[in-house]
């Protein structure tokens, strides 16, 4: 039996947004500045049926973005 951690269908790439809020159902161009952000979008397109979780960053602070293989 697969555990929740082993089932990759339960995971989606996360993209943290600064200075922009994207509402559901809208189309907005994304300007990606970090290599990790580009990798998240590429993973979304190739592995996750073009789905990605967008998080709005309210306060400026330390951020660590990465891609888990």
PDB file of N, CA and C in Angstrom:
ATOM      1  N   UNK A   1       0.844  -1.179   0.000  1.00  0.00           N
ATOM      2  CA  UNK A   1       0.000   0.000   0.000  1.00  0.00           C
ATOM      3  C   UNK A   1       0.890   1.244   0.000  1.00  0.00           C
ATOM      4  N   UNK A   2       0.559   2.210  -0.851  1.00  0.00           N
ATOM      5  CA  UNK A   2       1.328   3.457  -0.927  1.00  0.00           C
ATOM      6  C   UNK A   2       0.997   4.351   0.260  1.00  0.00           C
ATOM      7  N   UNK A   3       2.032   4.994   0.790  1.00  0.00           N
ATOM      8  CA  UNK A   3       1.788   5.988   1.817  1.00  0.00           C
ATOM      9  C   UNK A   3       1.521   7.327   1.144  1.00  0.00           C
ATOM     10  N   UNK A   4       1.010   8.283   1.904  1.00  0.00           N
ATOM     11  CA  UNK A   4       0.719   9.613   1.369  1.00  0.00           C
ATOM     12  C   UNK A   4       1.982  10.263   0.824  1.00  0.00           C
ATOM     13  N   UNK A   5       3.118  10.054   1.494  1.00  0.00           N
ATOM     14  CA  UNK A   5       4.383  10.643   1.056  1.00  0.00           C
ATOM     15  C   UNK A   5       4.878  10.034  -0.248  1.00  0.00           C
ATOM     16  N   UNK A   6       4.561   8.771  -0.512  1.00  0.00           N
ATOM     17  CA  UNK A   6       5.014   8.092  -1.724  1.00  0.00           C
ATOM     18  C   UNK A   6       4.149   8.415  -2.943  1.00  0.00           C
ATOM     19  N   UNK A   7       2.944   8.870  -2.723  1.00  0.00           N
ATOM     20  CA  UNK A   7       2.019   9.140  -3.819  1.00  0.00           C
ATOM     21  C   UNK A   7       2.241  10.559  -4.346  1.00  0.00           C
ATOM     22  N   UNK A   8       2.976  10.684  -5.444  1.00  0.00           N
ATOM     23  CA  UNK A   8       3.324  11.990  -6.008  1.00  0.00           C
ATOM     24  C   UNK A   8       2.114  12.725  -6.567  1.00  0.00           C
ATOM     25  N   UNK A   9       0.988  12.050  -6.749  1.00  0.00           N
ATOM     26  CA  UNK A   9      -0.201  12.732  -7.266  1.00  0.00           C
ATOM     27  C   UNK A   9      -0.776  13.708  -6.242  1.00  0.00           C
ATOM     28  N   UNK A  10      -0.331  13.629  -4.987  1.00  0.00           N
ATOM     29  CA  UNK A  10      -0.805  14.533  -3.943  1.00  0.00           C
ATOM     30  C   UNK A  10       0.042  15.794  -3.830  1.00  0.00           C
ATOM     31  N   UNK A  11       1.025  15.976  -4.709  1.00  0.00           N
ATOM     32  CA  UNK A  11       1.925  17.117  -4.642  1.00  0.00           C
ATOM     33  C   UNK A  11       1.763  18.005  -5.864  1.00  0.00           C
ATOM     34  N   UNK A  12       1.942  19.309  -5.665  1.00  0.00           N
ATOM     35  CA  UNK A  12       1.951  20.276  -6.762  1.00  0.00           C
ATOM     36  C   UNK A  12       3.090  21.263  -6.507  1.00  0.00           C
ATOM     37  N   UNK A  13       3.681  21.802  -7.573  1.00  0.00           N
ATOM     38  CA  UNK A  13       4.695  22.834  -7.391  1.00  0.00           C
ATOM     39  C   UNK A  13       4.066  24.092  -6.785  1.00  0.00           C
ATOM     40  N   UNK A  14       4.859  24.817  -5.987  1.00  0.00           N
ATOM     41  CA  UNK A  14       4.402  26.042  -5.340  1.00  0.00           C
ATOM     42  C   UNK A  14       5.205  27.208  -5.888  1.00  0.00           C
ATOM     43  N   UNK A  15       4.516  28.289  -6.225  1.00  0.00           N
ATOM     44  CA  UNK A  15       5.167  29.498  -6.711  1.00  0.00           C
ATOM     45  C   UNK A  15       4.763  30.647  -5.798  1.00  0.00           C
ATOM     46  N   UNK A  16       5.753  31.278  -5.174  1.00  0.00           N
ATOM     47  CA  UNK A  16       5.518  32.403  -4.281  1.00  0.00           C
ATOM     48  C   UNK A  16       5.530  33.698  -5.093  1.00  0.00           C
ATOM     49  N   UNK A  17       4.487  34.498  -4.938  1.00  0.00           N
ATOM     50  CA  UNK A  17       4.354  35.738  -5.705  1.00  0.00           C
ATOM     51  C   UNK A  17       4.582  36.948  -4.805  1.00  0.00           C
ATOM     52  N   UNK A  18       5.325  37.939  -5.320  1.00  0.00           N
ATOM     53  CA  UNK A  18       5.508  39.210  -4.625  1.00  0.00           C
ATOM     54  C   UNK A  18       4.919  40.307  -5.502  1.00  0.00           C
ATOM     55  N   UNK A  19       4.308  41.293  -4.883  1.00  0.00           N
ATOM     56  CA  UNK A  19       3.808  42.485  -5.572  1.00  0.00           C
ATOM     57  C   UNK A  19       2.719  42.189  -6.597  1.00  0.00           C
ATOM     58  N   UNK A  20       2.089  41.031  -6.521  1.00  0.00           N
ATOM     59  CA  UNK A  20       0.996  40.726  -7.447  1.00  0.00           C
ATOM     60  C   UNK A  20       0.053  39.725  -6.776  1.00  0.00           C
ATOM     61  N   UNK A  21      -1.213  39.931  -6.982  1.00  0.00           N
ATOM     62  CA  UNK A  21      -2.223  39.010  -6.483  1.00  0.00           C
ATOM     63  C   UNK A  21      -3.024  38.536  -7.684  1.00  0.00           C
ATOM     64  N   UNK A  22      -3.070  37.244  -7.888  1.00  0.00           N
ATOM     65  CA  UNK A  22      -3.788  36.668  -9.021  1.00  0.00           C
ATOM     66  C   UNK A  22      -5.049  35.996  -8.497  1.00  0.00           C
ATOM     67  N   UNK A  23      -6.178  36.436  -8.993  1.00  0.00           N
ATOM     68  CA  UNK A  23      -7.461  35.892  -8.562  1.00  0.00           C
ATOM     69  C   UNK A  23      -7.862  34.714  -9.440  1.00  0.00           C
ATOM     70  N   UNK A  24      -8.639  33.778  -8.900  1.00  0.00           N
ATOM     71  CA  UNK A  24      -9.095  32.634  -9.696  1.00  0.00           C
ATOM     72  C   UNK A  24      -9.849  33.087 -10.943  1.00  0.00           C
ATOM     73  N   UNK A  25      -9.605  32.383 -12.039  1.00  0.00           N
ATOM     74  CA  UNK A  25     -10.299  32.663 -13.275  1.00  0.00           C
ATOM     75  C   UNK A  25      -9.713  33.795 -14.095  1.00  0.00           C
ATOM     76  N   UNK A  26      -8.591  34.362 -13.652  1.00  0.00           N
ATOM     77  CA  UNK A  26      -7.963  35.445 -14.400  1.00  0.00           C
ATOM     78  C   UNK A  26      -6.740  34.928 -15.149  1.00  0.00           C
ATOM     79  N   UNK A  27      -6.372  35.641 -16.197  1.00  0.00           N
ATOM     80  CA  UNK A  27      -5.170  35.319 -16.964  1.00  0.00           C
ATOM     81  C   UNK A  27      -4.190  36.461 -16.757  1.00  0.00           C
ATOM     82  N   UNK A  28      -3.017  36.142 -16.235  1.00  0.00           N
ATOM     83  CA  UNK A  28      -2.022  37.152 -15.908  1.00  0.00           C
ATOM     84  C   UNK A  28      -0.636  36.658 -16.306  1.00  0.00           C
ATOM     85  N   UNK A  29       0.137  37.484 -16.999  1.00  0.00           N
ATOM     86  CA  UNK A  29       1.516  37.068 -17.296  1.00  0.00           C
ATOM     87  C   UNK A  29       2.356  37.056 -16.024  1.00  0.00           C
ATOM     88  N   UNK A  30       3.256  36.097 -15.926  1.00  0.00           N
ATOM     89  CA  UNK A  30       4.146  35.995 -14.773  1.00  0.00           C
ATOM     90  C   UNK A  30       5.567  36.329 -15.195  1.00  0.00           C
ATOM     91  N   UNK A  31       6.208  37.221 -14.462  1.00  0.00           N
ATOM     92  CA  UNK A  31       7.608  37.531 -14.681  1.00  0.00           C
ATOM     93  C   UNK A  31       8.401  36.807 -13.598  1.00  0.00           C
ATOM     94  N   UNK A  32       9.157  35.806 -14.009  1.00  0.00           N
ATOM     95  CA  UNK A  32       9.869  34.966 -13.053  1.00  0.00           C
ATOM     96  C   UNK A  32      11.322  35.412 -12.955  1.00  0.00           C
ATOM     97  N   UNK A  33      11.760  35.737 -11.732  1.00  0.00           N
ATOM     98  CA  UNK A  33      13.112  36.228 -11.534  1.00  0.00           C
ATOM     99  C   UNK A  33      14.068  35.191 -10.988  1.00  0.00           C
ATOM    100  N   UNK A  34      13.559  34.190 -10.293  1.00  0.00           N
ATOM    101  CA  UNK A  34      14.415  33.177  -9.668  1.00  0.00           C
ATOM    102  C   UNK A  34      14.417  31.897 -10.495  1.00  0.00           C
ATOM    103  N   UNK A  35      15.576  31.261 -10.560  1.00  0.00           N
ATOM    104  CA  UNK A  35      15.714  29.997 -11.283  1.00  0.00           C
ATOM    105  C   UNK A  35      14.778  28.940 -10.686  1.00  0.00           C
ATOM    106  N   UNK A  36      14.594  28.967  -9.361  1.00  0.00           N
ATOM    107  CA  UNK A  36      13.710  28.001  -8.701  1.00  0.00           C
ATOM    108  C   UNK A  36      12.262  28.177  -9.155  1.00  0.00           C
ATOM    109  N   UNK A  37      11.865  29.425  -9.408  1.00  0.00           N
ATOM    110  CA  UNK A  37      10.508  29.688  -9.891  1.00  0.00           C
ATOM    111  C   UNK A  37      10.312  29.120 -11.286  1.00  0.00           C
ATOM    112  N   UNK A  38      11.308  29.289 -12.125  1.00  0.00           N
ATOM    113  CA  UNK A  38      11.244  28.737 -13.484  1.00  0.00           C
ATOM    114  C   UNK A  38      11.145  27.216 -13.421  1.00  0.00           C
ATOM    115  N   UNK A  39      11.917  26.586 -12.535  1.00  0.00           N
ATOM    116  CA  UNK A  39      11.875  25.124 -12.391  1.00  0.00           C
ATOM    117  C   UNK A  39      10.513  24.656 -11.894  1.00  0.00           C
ATOM    118  N   UNK A  40       9.885  25.431 -11.010  1.00  0.00           N
ATOM    119  CA  UNK A  40       8.544  25.070 -10.530  1.00  0.00           C
ATOM    120  C   UNK A  40       7.534  25.071 -11.669  1.00  0.00           C
ATOM    121  N   UNK A  41       7.601  26.098 -12.524  1.00  0.00           N
ATOM    122  CA  UNK A  41       6.675  26.173 -13.657  1.00  0.00           C
ATOM    123  C   UNK A  41       6.959  25.044 -14.648  1.00  0.00           C
ATOM    124  N   UNK A  42       8.229  24.766 -14.906  1.00  0.00           N
ATOM    125  CA  UNK A  42       8.575  23.667 -15.813  1.00  0.00           C
ATOM    126  C   UNK A  42       8.076  22.328 -15.271  1.00  0.00           C
ATOM    127  N   UNK A  43       8.208  22.118 -13.958  1.00  0.00           N
ATOM    128  CA  UNK A  43       7.706  20.878 -13.343  1.00  0.00           C
ATOM    129  C   UNK A  43       6.186  20.816 -13.455  1.00  0.00           C
ATOM    130  N   UNK A  44       5.536  21.945 -13.288  1.00  0.00           N
ATOM    131  CA  UNK A  44       4.083  21.998 -13.401  1.00  0.00           C
ATOM    132  C   UNK A  44       3.624  21.566 -14.788  1.00  0.00           C
ATOM    133  N   UNK A  45       4.312  22.068 -15.802  1.00  0.00           N
ATOM    134  CA  UNK A  45       3.930  21.756 -17.182  1.00  0.00           C
ATOM    135  C   UNK A  45       4.204  20.291 -17.510  1.00  0.00           C
ATOM    136  N   UNK A  46       5.361  19.777 -17.095  1.00  0.00           N
ATOM    137  CA  UNK A  46       5.759  18.432 -17.511  1.00  0.00           C
ATOM    138  C   UNK A  46       5.176  17.312 -16.646  1.00  0.00           C
ATOM    139  N   UNK A  47       4.962  17.554 -15.350  1.00  0.00           N
ATOM    140  CA  UNK A  47       4.572  16.461 -14.449  1.00  0.00           C
ATOM    141  C   UNK A  47       3.185  16.592 -13.839  1.00  0.00           C
ATOM    142  N   UNK A  48       2.652  17.800 -13.759  1.00  0.00           N
ATOM    143  CA  UNK A  48       1.446  18.020 -12.962  1.00  0.00           C
ATOM    144  C   UNK A  48       0.297  18.625 -13.760  1.00  0.00           C
ATOM    145  N   UNK A  49       0.201  18.287 -15.037  1.00  0.00           N
ATOM    146  CA  UNK A  49      -0.920  18.727 -15.872  1.00  0.00           C
ATOM    147  C   UNK A  49      -1.085  20.252 -15.838  1.00  0.00           C
ATOM    148  N   UNK A  50       0.034  20.951 -15.825  1.00  0.00           N
ATOM    149  CA  UNK A  50       0.084  22.422 -15.840  1.00  0.00           C
ATOM    150  C   UNK A  50      -0.580  23.058 -14.624  1.00  0.00           C
ATOM    151  N   UNK A  51      -0.642  22.348 -13.507  1.00  0.00           N
ATOM    152  CA  UNK A  51      -1.216  22.900 -12.282  1.00  0.00           C
ATOM    153  C   UNK A  51      -0.090  23.339 -11.351  1.00  0.00           C
ATOM    154  N   UNK A  52      -0.307  24.463 -10.693  1.00  0.00           N
ATOM    155  CA  UNK A  52       0.673  24.997  -9.741  1.00  0.00           C
ATOM    156  C   UNK A  52      -0.095  25.738  -8.645  1.00  0.00           C
ATOM    157  N   UNK A  53       0.445  25.733  -7.447  1.00  0.00           N
ATOM    158  CA  UNK A  53      -0.145  26.480  -6.342  1.00  0.00           C
ATOM    159  C   UNK A  53       0.537  27.841  -6.289  1.00  0.00           C
ATOM    160  N   UNK A  54      -0.259  28.919  -6.325  1.00  0.00           N
ATOM    161  CA  UNK A  54       0.267  30.272  -6.243  1.00  0.00           C
ATOM    162  C   UNK A  54       0.032  30.810  -4.835  1.00  0.00           C
ATOM    163  N   UNK A  55       1.101  31.268  -4.191  1.00  0.00           N
ATOM    164  CA  UNK A  55       1.005  31.851  -2.859  1.00  0.00           C
ATOM    165  C   UNK A  55       1.375  33.317  -2.931  1.00  0.00           C
ATOM    166  N   UNK A  56       0.563  34.166  -2.337  1.00  0.00           N
ATOM    167  CA  UNK A  56       0.842  35.588  -2.280  1.00  0.00           C
ATOM    168  C   UNK A  56       1.667  35.880  -1.045  1.00  0.00           C
ATOM    169  N   UNK A  57       2.814  36.531  -1.218  1.00  0.00           N
ATOM    170  CA  UNK A  57       3.693  36.872  -0.106  1.00  0.00           C
ATOM    171  C   UNK A  57       3.297  38.245   0.425  1.00  0.00           C
ATOM    172  N   UNK A  58       2.760  38.275   1.635  1.00  0.00           N
ATOM    173  CA  UNK A  58       2.263  39.514   2.215  1.00  0.00           C
ATOM    174  C   UNK A  58       3.395  40.391   2.739  1.00  0.00           C
ATOM    175  N   UNK A  59       4.362  39.807   3.442  1.00  0.00           N
ATOM    176  CA  UNK A  59       5.463  40.565   4.016  1.00  0.00           C
ATOM    177  C   UNK A  59       6.767  40.126   3.386  1.00  0.00           C
ATOM    178  N   UNK A  60       7.683  41.073   3.266  1.00  0.00           N
ATOM    179  CA  UNK A  60       9.001  40.752   2.722  1.00  0.00           C
ATOM    180  C   UNK A  60       9.866  40.191   3.844  1.00  0.00           C
ATOM    181  N   UNK A  61      10.356  39.008   3.661  1.00  0.00           N
ATOM    182  CA  UNK A  61      11.204  38.352   4.633  1.00  0.00           C
ATOM    183  C   UNK A  61      12.010  37.272   3.952  1.00  0.00           C
ATOM    184  N   UNK A  62      12.654  36.441   4.708  1.00  0.00           N
ATOM    185  CA  UNK A  62      13.472  35.370   4.141  1.00  0.00           C
ATOM    186  C   UNK A  62      12.590  34.367   3.436  1.00  0.00           C
ATOM    187  N   UNK A  63      13.042  33.963   2.278  1.00  0.00           N
ATOM    188  CA  UNK A  63      12.296  32.998   1.490  1.00  0.00           C
ATOM    189  C   UNK A  63      13.243  31.984   0.907  1.00  0.00           C
ATOM    190  N   UNK A  64      12.889  30.737   1.023  1.00  0.00           N
ATOM    191  CA  UNK A  64      13.672  29.671   0.421  1.00  0.00           C
ATOM    192  C   UNK A  64      12.753  28.873  -0.490  1.00  0.00           C
ATOM    193  N   UNK A  65      12.981  28.979  -1.789  1.00  0.00           N
ATOM    194  CA  UNK A  65      12.163  28.295  -2.766  1.00  0.00           C
ATOM    195  C   UNK A  65      13.000  27.200  -3.380  1.00  0.00           C
ATOM    196  N   UNK A  66      12.429  26.031  -3.570  1.00  0.00           N
ATOM    197  CA  UNK A  66      13.176  24.949  -4.180  1.00  0.00           C
ATOM    198  C   UNK A  66      12.245  23.966  -4.851  1.00  0.00           C
ATOM    199  N   UNK A  67      12.841  23.072  -5.609  1.00  0.00           N
ATOM    200  CA  UNK A  67      12.098  22.042  -6.315  1.00  0.00           C
ATOM    201  C   UNK A  67      12.497  20.697  -5.735  1.00  0.00           C
ATOM    202  N   UNK A  68      11.501  19.938  -5.316  1.00  0.00           N
ATOM    203  CA  UNK A  68      11.755  18.602  -4.787  1.00  0.00           C
ATOM    204  C   UNK A  68      11.516  17.596  -5.886  1.00  0.00           C
ATOM    205  N   UNK A  69      12.520  16.784  -6.153  1.00  0.00           N
ATOM    206  CA  UNK A  69      12.405  15.799  -7.245  1.00  0.00           C
ATOM    207  C   UNK A  69      11.708  14.549  -6.782  1.00  0.00           C
TER     208      UNK A  69
END
